[in-house]
Protein backbone atom coordinates (compact mmCIF):
# COMPACT_ATOMS: atom_id res chain seq x y z
CA UNK A 1 35.52 202.16 61.48
CA UNK A 2 33.24 205.18 61.77
CA UNK A 3 34.14 208.60 60.48
CA UNK A 4 34.46 209.93 64.04
CA UNK A 5 36.76 207.08 65.06
CA UNK A 6 38.89 207.60 61.96
CA UNK A 7 39.15 211.36 62.65
CA UNK A 8 40.09 210.70 66.28
CA UNK A 9 42.79 208.23 65.30
CA UNK A 10 44.23 210.75 62.81
CA UNK A 11 44.33 213.48 65.49
CA UNK A 12 46.03 211.11 67.93
CA UNK A 13 48.70 210.35 65.35
CA UNK A 14 49.23 214.07 64.62
CA UNK A 15 49.26 215.45 68.18
CA UNK A 16 50.43 212.58 70.32
CA UNK A 17 48.62 210.78 73.11
CA UNK A 18 47.43 213.96 74.90
CA UNK A 19 44.66 214.62 72.39
CA UNK A 20 41.17 214.53 73.90
CA UNK A 21 38.36 214.46 71.33
CA UNK A 22 35.56 217.03 71.66
CA UNK A 23 33.04 214.23 71.28
CA UNK A 24 33.64 210.80 72.78
CA UNK A 25 34.30 208.03 70.31
CA UNK A 26 31.23 205.86 69.93
CA UNK A 27 32.07 202.24 70.62
CA UNK A 28 29.42 199.69 69.81
CA UNK A 29 29.08 197.64 73.00
CA UNK A 30 27.26 194.32 72.86
CA UNK A 31 26.57 194.47 76.61
CA UNK A 32 24.83 197.82 76.16
CA UNK A 33 22.78 196.38 73.29
CA UNK A 34 21.79 193.45 75.51
CA UNK A 35 20.69 195.76 78.31
CA UNK A 36 18.70 197.86 75.83
CA UNK A 37 16.97 194.73 74.55
CA UNK A 38 16.09 193.57 78.04
CA UNK A 39 14.67 196.96 78.96
CA UNK A 40 13.63 198.53 82.23
CA UNK A 41 13.20 197.56 85.82
CA UNK A 42 10.21 195.24 85.35
CA UNK A 43 11.71 193.24 82.50
CA UNK A 44 13.76 190.98 84.73
CA UNK A 45 10.69 190.03 86.75
CA UNK A 46 8.62 189.41 83.61
CA UNK A 47 11.41 187.21 82.23
CA UNK A 48 11.65 185.34 85.54
CA UNK A 49 7.97 184.47 85.32
CA UNK A 50 8.09 183.50 81.65
CA UNK A 51 11.08 181.20 82.19
CA UNK A 52 8.50 178.98 83.90
CA UNK A 53 6.29 178.89 80.80
CA UNK A 54 3.56 180.78 78.99
CA UNK A 55 1.56 183.23 81.11
CA UNK A 56 -1.46 185.48 80.68
CA UNK A 57 -1.38 189.20 81.50
CA UNK A 58 -3.41 188.81 84.71
CA UNK A 59 -1.16 186.06 86.00
CA UNK A 60 1.94 188.16 85.34
CA UNK A 61 0.40 191.12 87.13
CA UNK A 62 -0.45 189.00 90.20
CA UNK A 63 3.02 187.39 90.34
CA UNK A 64 4.94 190.68 90.00
CA UNK A 65 4.26 192.72 93.13
CA UNK A 66 3.94 196.46 92.63
CA UNK A 67 3.76 196.56 88.83
CA UNK A 68 0.98 198.74 87.43
CA UNK A 69 -1.01 197.60 84.40
CA UNK A 70 0.52 200.46 82.39
CA UNK A 71 4.11 199.53 83.33
CA UNK A 72 3.50 195.86 82.65
CA UNK A 73 1.96 196.66 79.25
CA UNK A 74 4.91 198.90 78.32
CA UNK A 75 7.40 196.24 79.43
CA UNK A 76 5.64 193.49 77.49
CA UNK A 77 5.47 195.65 74.36
CA UNK A 78 9.17 196.50 74.62
CA UNK A 79 10.16 192.85 75.04
CA UNK A 80 7.94 191.89 72.11
CA UNK A 81 9.49 194.59 69.90
CA UNK A 82 12.93 193.30 70.84
CA UNK A 83 11.95 189.74 69.86
CA UNK A 84 12.36 188.44 73.42
CA UNK A 85 8.75 187.32 73.84
CA UNK A 86 5.78 186.55 71.68
CA UNK A 87 2.21 187.73 72.23
CA UNK A 88 -0.63 185.46 71.13
CA UNK A 89 -4.23 186.69 71.16
CA UNK A 90 -7.14 184.25 71.00
CA UNK A 91 -10.56 185.31 69.67
CA UNK A 92 -12.54 184.83 72.85
CA UNK A 93 -14.81 187.24 74.75
CA UNK A 94 -12.96 188.93 76.36
CA UNK A 95 -9.83 188.38 74.25
CA UNK A 96 -7.36 185.94 75.81
CA UNK A 97 -3.73 187.04 75.46
CA UNK A 98 -0.75 184.86 76.32
CA UNK A 99 2.93 185.69 76.46
CA UNK A 100 5.72 183.21 75.86
CA UNK A 101 9.46 183.52 75.43
CA UNK A 102 11.04 183.20 72.01
CA UNK A 103 14.33 181.32 71.58
CA UNK A 104 16.04 184.73 71.95
CA UNK A 105 14.26 185.17 75.29
CA UNK A 106 15.19 181.69 76.50
CA UNK A 107 18.84 182.49 75.77
CA UNK A 108 18.68 185.14 78.51
CA UNK A 109 18.00 182.52 81.20
CA UNK A 110 21.63 181.62 81.84
CA UNK A 111 22.71 185.27 81.84
CA UNK A 112 20.11 186.22 84.44
CA UNK A 113 20.92 183.13 86.49
CA UNK A 114 24.58 184.19 86.61
CA UNK A 115 23.57 187.72 87.64
CA UNK A 116 21.49 186.23 90.47
CA UNK A 117 24.45 184.16 91.66
CA UNK A 118 26.72 187.21 91.54
CA UNK A 119 24.24 189.21 93.59
CA UNK A 120 23.93 186.44 96.17
CA UNK A 121 27.71 186.34 96.53
CA UNK A 122 28.46 190.08 96.64
CA UNK A 123 25.43 191.90 98.03
């Protein structure tokens, strides 16, 4: 238990249930951590493409309508930092770069599939 949580619990015990802390109690949420790992608006589309197998940057850019090279680069870097995908560069001229999902990235497939089914049902 964090120091803030401990302090809040002590105040609740002293003052009754009407105590409102000045700072909200931080609760570590695994859903929030998952969303942080996945990243921004383009991440879902990048993941969708990579669920089909390894892709090069140019192929991803063509398949994802409206994504700028800068946004795609930032998204790919974020997903790589999070361990969701792996970047492999080959020493060719120009350099060939491929992106593939890691086991951590493949584990997101079922989650995103369920989100798609929910959206189809409710929106």
